[in-house]
PDB file of N, CA and C in Angstrom:
ATOM      1  N   MET A   1     -39.089  36.228 -37.444  1.00  0.00           N
ATOM      2  CA  MET A   1     -39.715  34.998 -38.045  1.00  0.00           C
ATOM      3  C   MET A   1     -38.635  33.868 -37.966  1.00  0.00           C
ATOM      4  N   ASN A   2     -37.415  34.246 -38.298  1.00  0.00           N
ATOM      5  CA  ASN A   2     -36.405  33.195 -38.267  1.00  0.00           C
ATOM      6  C   ASN A   2     -36.066  32.691 -36.909  1.00  0.00           C
ATOM      7  N   PHE A   3     -36.227  33.687 -35.907  1.00  0.00           N
ATOM      8  CA  PHE A   3     -36.006  33.283 -34.538  1.00  0.00           C
ATOM      9  C   PHE A   3     -37.180  32.321 -34.007  1.00  0.00           C
ATOM     10  N   LYS A   4     -38.341  32.508 -34.533  1.00  0.00           N
ATOM     11  CA  LYS A   4     -39.470  31.608 -34.091  1.00  0.00           C
ATOM     12  C   LYS A   4     -39.270  30.265 -34.694  1.00  0.00           C
ATOM     13  N   ILE A   5     -38.717  30.122 -35.950  1.00  0.00           N
ATOM     14  CA  ILE A   5     -38.398  28.780 -36.480  1.00  0.00           C
ATOM     15  C   ILE A   5     -37.386  28.122 -35.614  1.00  0.00           C
ATOM     16  N   ILE A   6     -36.224  28.828 -35.287  1.00  0.00           N
ATOM     17  CA  ILE A   6     -35.180  28.243 -34.442  1.00  0.00           C
ATOM     18  C   ILE A   6     -35.772  27.788 -33.110  1.00  0.00           C
ATOM     19  N   ALA A   7     -36.595  28.680 -32.539  1.00  0.00           N
ATOM     20  CA  ALA A   7     -37.125  28.400 -31.158  1.00  0.00           C
ATOM     21  C   ALA A   7     -38.136  27.152 -31.252  1.00  0.00           C
ATOM     22  N   PHE A   8     -38.840  27.072 -32.365  1.00  0.00           N
ATOM     23  CA  PHE A   8     -39.708  25.925 -32.483  1.00  0.00           C
ATOM     24  C   PHE A   8     -38.904  24.618 -32.673  1.00  0.00           C
ATOM     25  N   SER A   9     -37.846  24.682 -33.400  1.00  0.00           N
ATOM     26  CA  SER A   9     -37.133  23.407 -33.596  1.00  0.00           C
ATOM     27  C   SER A   9     -36.516  23.005 -32.305  1.00  0.00           C
ATOM     28  N   PHE A  10     -35.977  23.999 -31.537  1.00  0.00           N
ATOM     29  CA  PHE A  10     -35.317  23.638 -30.276  1.00  0.00           C
ATOM     30  C   PHE A  10     -36.402  23.098 -29.343  1.00  0.00           C
ATOM     31  N   TYR A  11     -37.629  23.705 -29.393  1.00  0.00           N
ATOM     32  CA  TYR A  11     -38.762  23.331 -28.513  1.00  0.00           C
ATOM     33  C   TYR A  11     -39.211  21.900 -28.857  1.00  0.00           C
ATOM     34  N   SER A  12     -39.311  21.486 -30.130  1.00  0.00           N
ATOM     35  CA  SER A  12     -39.785  20.169 -30.435  1.00  0.00           C
ATOM     36  C   SER A  12     -38.696  19.160 -30.031  1.00  0.00           C
ATOM     37  N   PHE A  13     -37.408  19.561 -30.168  1.00  0.00           N
ATOM     38  CA  PHE A  13     -36.283  18.598 -29.746  1.00  0.00           C
ATOM     39  C   PHE A  13     -36.361  18.434 -28.232  1.00  0.00           C
ATOM     40  N   PHE A  14     -36.577  19.495 -27.534  1.00  0.00           N
ATOM     41  CA  PHE A  14     -36.592  19.438 -26.047  1.00  0.00           C
ATOM     42  C   PHE A  14     -37.763  18.637 -25.619  1.00  0.00           C
ATOM     43  N   ILE A  15     -38.948  18.769 -26.282  1.00  0.00           N
ATOM     44  CA  ILE A  15     -40.171  18.091 -25.922  1.00  0.00           C
ATOM     45  C   ILE A  15     -39.993  16.607 -26.183  1.00  0.00           C
ATOM     46  N   SER A  16     -39.291  16.233 -27.297  1.00  0.00           N
ATOM     47  CA  SER A  16     -39.118  14.796 -27.473  1.00  0.00           C
ATOM     48  C   SER A  16     -38.245  14.159 -26.367  1.00  0.00           C
ATOM     49  N   GLY A  17     -37.248  14.986 -26.076  1.00  0.00           N
ATOM     50  CA  GLY A  17     -36.381  14.409 -25.010  1.00  0.00           C
ATOM     51  C   GLY A  17     -37.075  14.389 -23.687  1.00  0.00           C
ATOM     52  N   CYS A  18     -37.951  15.436 -23.343  1.00  0.00           N
ATOM     53  CA  CYS A  18     -38.813  15.288 -22.127  1.00  0.00           C
ATOM     54  C   CYS A  18     -39.720  14.185 -22.155  1.00  0.00           C
ATOM     55  N   ARG A  19     -40.286  13.847 -23.309  1.00  0.00           N
ATOM     56  CA  ARG A  19     -41.295  12.833 -23.380  1.00  0.00           C
ATOM     57  C   ARG A  19     -40.600  11.464 -23.164  1.00  0.00           C
ATOM     58  N   SER A  20     -39.417  11.235 -23.789  1.00  0.00           N
ATOM     59  CA  SER A  20     -38.773   9.962 -23.543  1.00  0.00           C
ATOM     60  C   SER A  20     -38.256   9.886 -22.128  1.00  0.00           C
ATOM     61  N   PHE A  21     -37.876  10.985 -21.434  1.00  0.00           N
ATOM     62  CA  PHE A  21     -37.367  10.995 -20.104  1.00  0.00           C
ATOM     63  C   PHE A  21     -38.579  10.678 -19.152  1.00  0.00           C
ATOM     64  N   SER A  22     -39.730  11.318 -19.409  1.00  0.00           N
ATOM     65  CA  SER A  22     -40.858  11.081 -18.540  1.00  0.00           C
ATOM     66  C   SER A  22     -41.350   9.655 -18.727  1.00  0.00           C
ATOM     67  N   SER A  23     -41.344   9.116 -19.905  1.00  0.00           N
ATOM     68  CA  SER A  23     -41.786   7.680 -20.059  1.00  0.00           C
ATOM     69  C   SER A  23     -40.816   6.746 -19.354  1.00  0.00           C
ATOM     70  N   ILE A  24     -39.495   7.044 -19.331  1.00  0.00           N
ATOM     71  CA  ILE A  24     -38.583   6.188 -18.569  1.00  0.00           C
ATOM     72  C   ILE A  24     -38.862   6.335 -17.105  1.00  0.00           C
ATOM     73  N   VAL A  25     -39.160   7.514 -16.670  1.00  0.00           N
ATOM     74  CA  VAL A  25     -39.474   7.644 -15.234  1.00  0.00           C
ATOM     75  C   VAL A  25     -40.714   6.905 -14.832  1.00  0.00           C
ATOM     76  N   LEU A  26     -41.739   7.090 -15.693  1.00  0.00           N
ATOM     77  CA  LEU A  26     -43.026   6.429 -15.487  1.00  0.00           C
ATOM     78  C   LEU A  26     -42.859   4.869 -15.427  1.00  0.00           C
ATOM     79  N   GLN A  27     -42.174   4.354 -16.426  1.00  0.00           N
ATOM     80  CA  GLN A  27     -41.960   2.935 -16.508  1.00  0.00           C
ATOM     81  C   GLN A  27     -41.219   2.396 -15.196  1.00  0.00           C
ATOM     82  N   ARG A  28     -40.163   3.209 -14.844  1.00  0.00           N
ATOM     83  CA  ARG A  28     -39.337   2.782 -13.665  1.00  0.00           C
ATOM     84  C   ARG A  28     -40.203   2.825 -12.367  1.00  0.00           C
ATOM     85  N   SER A  29     -41.034   3.839 -12.310  1.00  0.00           N
ATOM     86  CA  SER A  29     -41.803   3.957 -11.092  1.00  0.00           C
ATOM     87  C   SER A  29     -42.982   3.030 -10.998  1.00  0.00           C
ATOM     88  N   PHE A  30     -43.617   2.838 -12.169  1.00  0.00           N
ATOM     89  CA  PHE A  30     -44.845   1.949 -12.072  1.00  0.00           C
ATOM     90  C   PHE A  30     -44.573   0.460 -12.305  1.00  0.00           C
ATOM     91  N   PHE A  31     -43.489   0.133 -12.867  1.00  0.00           N
ATOM     92  CA  PHE A  31     -43.254  -1.343 -13.100  1.00  0.00           C
ATOM     93  C   PHE A  31     -42.139  -1.902 -12.232  1.00  0.00           C
ATOM     94  N   PHE A  32     -41.240  -1.132 -11.713  1.00  0.00           N
ATOM     95  CA  PHE A  32     -40.105  -1.687 -10.942  1.00  0.00           C
ATOM     96  C   PHE A  32     -40.197  -1.322  -9.481  1.00  0.00           C
ATOM     97  N   ASN A  33     -40.765  -0.212  -9.111  1.00  0.00           N
ATOM     98  CA  ASN A  33     -40.785   0.217  -7.726  1.00  0.00           C
ATOM     99  C   ASN A  33     -42.185   0.260  -7.216  1.00  0.00           C
ATOM    100  N   ASP A  34     -42.958  -0.907  -7.151  1.00  0.00           N
ATOM    101  CA  ASP A  34     -44.288  -0.900  -6.702  1.00  0.00           C
ATOM    102  C   ASP A  34     -44.486  -0.516  -5.259  1.00  0.00           C
ATOM    103  N   ASN A  35     -43.470  -0.786  -4.428  1.00  0.00           N
ATOM    104  CA  ASN A  35     -43.577  -0.523  -2.963  1.00  0.00           C
ATOM    105  C   ASN A  35     -43.137   0.861  -2.638  1.00  0.00           C
ATOM    106  N   ASN A  36     -42.628   1.645  -3.545  1.00  0.00           N
ATOM    107  CA  ASN A  36     -42.045   2.957  -3.233  1.00  0.00           C
ATOM    108  C   ASN A  36     -43.022   3.980  -3.655  1.00  0.00           C
ATOM    109  N   PRO A  37     -43.651   4.691  -2.562  1.00  0.00           N
ATOM    110  CA  PRO A  37     -44.595   5.748  -2.997  1.00  0.00           C
ATOM    111  C   PRO A  37     -43.900   7.035  -3.448  1.00  0.00           C
ATOM    112  N   LEU A  38     -42.614   7.115  -3.114  1.00  0.00           N
ATOM    113  CA  LEU A  38     -41.884   8.375  -3.593  1.00  0.00           C
ATOM    114  C   LEU A  38     -41.779   8.432  -5.109  1.00  0.00           C
ATOM    115  N   ALA A  39     -41.618   7.182  -5.724  1.00  0.00           N
ATOM    116  CA  ALA A  39     -41.476   7.175  -7.202  1.00  0.00           C
ATOM    117  C   ALA A  39     -42.682   7.596  -7.806  1.00  0.00           C
ATOM    118  N   TYR A  40     -43.873   7.326  -7.346  1.00  0.00           N
ATOM    119  CA  TYR A  40     -45.109   7.817  -7.918  1.00  0.00           C
ATOM    120  C   TYR A  40     -45.194   9.368  -7.863  1.00  0.00           C
ATOM    121  N   THR A  41     -44.835   9.911  -6.766  1.00  0.00           N
ATOM    122  CA  THR A  41     -44.897  11.420  -6.591  1.00  0.00           C
ATOM    123  C   THR A  41     -43.835  12.058  -7.552  1.00  0.00           C
ATOM    124  N   LYS A  42     -42.637  11.325  -7.671  1.00  0.00           N
ATOM    125  CA  LYS A  42     -41.683  11.926  -8.512  1.00  0.00           C
ATOM    126  C   LYS A  42     -42.062  11.898  -9.962  1.00  0.00           C
ATOM    127  N   SER A  43     -42.673  10.862 -10.438  1.00  0.00           N
ATOM    128  CA  SER A  43     -43.059  10.816 -11.829  1.00  0.00           C
ATOM    129  C   SER A  43     -44.225  11.792 -12.062  1.00  0.00           C
ATOM    130  N   ALA A  44     -45.081  11.910 -11.058  1.00  0.00           N
ATOM    131  CA  ALA A  44     -46.223  12.864 -11.223  1.00  0.00           C
ATOM    132  C   ALA A  44     -45.740  14.245 -11.270  1.00  0.00           C
ATOM    133  N   PHE A  45     -44.652  14.570 -10.456  1.00  0.00           N
ATOM    134  CA  PHE A  45     -44.025  15.914 -10.506  1.00  0.00           C
ATOM    135  C   PHE A  45     -43.327  16.171 -11.786  1.00  0.00           C
ATOM    136  N   PHE A  46     -42.707  15.210 -12.383  1.00  0.00           N
ATOM    137  CA  PHE A  46     -42.080  15.380 -13.705  1.00  0.00           C
ATOM    138  C   PHE A  46     -43.103  15.615 -14.771  1.00  0.00           C
ATOM    139  N   LEU A  47     -44.248  14.898 -14.688  1.00  0.00           N
ATOM    140  CA  LEU A  47     -45.232  15.076 -15.698  1.00  0.00           C
ATOM    141  C   LEU A  47     -45.898  16.446 -15.570  1.00  0.00           C
ATOM    142  N   LEU A  48     -46.101  16.938 -14.290  1.00  0.00           N
ATOM    143  CA  LEU A  48     -46.690  18.203 -14.120  1.00  0.00           C
ATOM    144  C   LEU A  48     -45.739  19.319 -14.700  1.00  0.00           C
ATOM    145  N   LEU A  49     -44.433  19.155 -14.364  1.00  0.00           N
ATOM    146  CA  LEU A  49     -43.423  20.120 -14.878  1.00  0.00           C
ATOM    147  C   LEU A  49     -43.414  20.142 -16.422  1.00  0.00           C
ATOM    148  N   TYR A  50     -43.569  18.955 -16.948  1.00  0.00           N
ATOM    149  CA  TYR A  50     -43.568  18.826 -18.463  1.00  0.00           C
ATOM    150  C   TYR A  50     -44.781  19.517 -19.034  1.00  0.00           C
ATOM    151  N   MET A  51     -45.970  19.371 -18.414  1.00  0.00           N
ATOM    152  CA  MET A  51     -47.186  20.013 -18.896  1.00  0.00           C
ATOM    153  C   MET A  51     -47.068  21.514 -18.748  1.00  0.00           C
ATOM    154  N   PHE A  52     -46.609  21.983 -17.619  1.00  0.00           N
ATOM    155  CA  PHE A  52     -46.369  23.487 -17.466  1.00  0.00           C
ATOM    156  C   PHE A  52     -45.347  24.040 -18.435  1.00  0.00           C
ATOM    157  N   PHE A  53     -44.355  23.281 -18.798  1.00  0.00           N
ATOM    158  CA  PHE A  53     -43.404  23.753 -19.810  1.00  0.00           C
ATOM    159  C   PHE A  53     -44.031  23.841 -21.129  1.00  0.00           C
ATOM    160  N   ILE A  54     -44.893  22.800 -21.518  1.00  0.00           N
ATOM    161  CA  ILE A  54     -45.631  22.888 -22.816  1.00  0.00           C
ATOM    162  C   ILE A  54     -46.547  24.069 -22.915  1.00  0.00           C
ATOM    163  N   ALA A  55     -47.296  24.375 -21.799  1.00  0.00           N
ATOM    164  CA  ALA A  55     -48.186  25.481 -21.743  1.00  0.00           C
ATOM    165  C   ALA A  55     -47.406  26.783 -22.010  1.00  0.00           C
ATOM    166  N   PHE A  56     -46.329  26.898 -21.193  1.00  0.00           N
ATOM    167  CA  PHE A  56     -45.532  28.148 -21.201  1.00  0.00           C
ATOM    168  C   PHE A  56     -44.968  28.414 -22.524  1.00  0.00           C
ATOM    169  N   THR A  57     -44.283  27.358 -23.136  1.00  0.00           N
ATOM    170  CA  THR A  57     -43.613  27.598 -24.399  1.00  0.00           C
ATOM    171  C   THR A  57     -44.636  27.889 -25.629  1.00  0.00           C
ATOM    172  N   SER A  58     -45.756  27.156 -25.547  1.00  0.00           N
ATOM    173  CA  SER A  58     -46.764  27.442 -26.539  1.00  0.00           C
ATOM    174  C   SER A  58     -47.318  28.856 -26.421  1.00  0.00           C
ATOM    175  N   LYS A  59     -47.486  29.312 -25.174  1.00  0.00           N
ATOM    176  CA  LYS A  59     -47.847  30.712 -25.034  1.00  0.00           C
ATOM    177  C   LYS A  59     -46.862  31.689 -25.564  1.00  0.00           C
ATOM    178  N   VAL A  60     -45.555  31.406 -25.347  1.00  0.00           N
ATOM    179  CA  VAL A  60     -44.500  32.313 -25.826  1.00  0.00           C
ATOM    180  C   VAL A  60     -44.434  32.235 -27.355  1.00  0.00           C
ATOM    181  N   LEU A  61     -44.561  31.047 -27.942  1.00  0.00           N
ATOM    182  CA  LEU A  61     -44.253  30.895 -29.366  1.00  0.00           C
ATOM    183  C   LEU A  61     -45.505  31.477 -30.129  1.00  0.00           C
ATOM    184  N   TYR A  62     -46.705  31.197 -29.729  1.00  0.00           N
ATOM    185  CA  TYR A  62     -47.789  31.591 -30.482  1.00  0.00           C
ATOM    186  C   TYR A  62     -48.604  32.665 -30.030  1.00  0.00           C
ATOM    187  N   GLN A  63     -47.924  33.727 -29.403  1.00  0.00           N
ATOM    188  CA  GLN A  63     -48.679  34.943 -29.009  1.00  0.00           C
ATOM    189  C   GLN A  63     -48.824  35.956 -30.103  1.00  0.00           C
TER     190      GLN A  63
END
């Protein structure tokens, strides 16, 4: 039980960091590099990675 609380606090901290990082990536790709198609794919890849991480950690924490 104590381990789950520690894991959840670390998970929420990591998710907030990932969210700010993905918003920075999205802003940079969508507002500053309009002619660069690689930036769109990079931001989409980071968002996909973020969603997979959310799904995996929620499955681990709440099983």
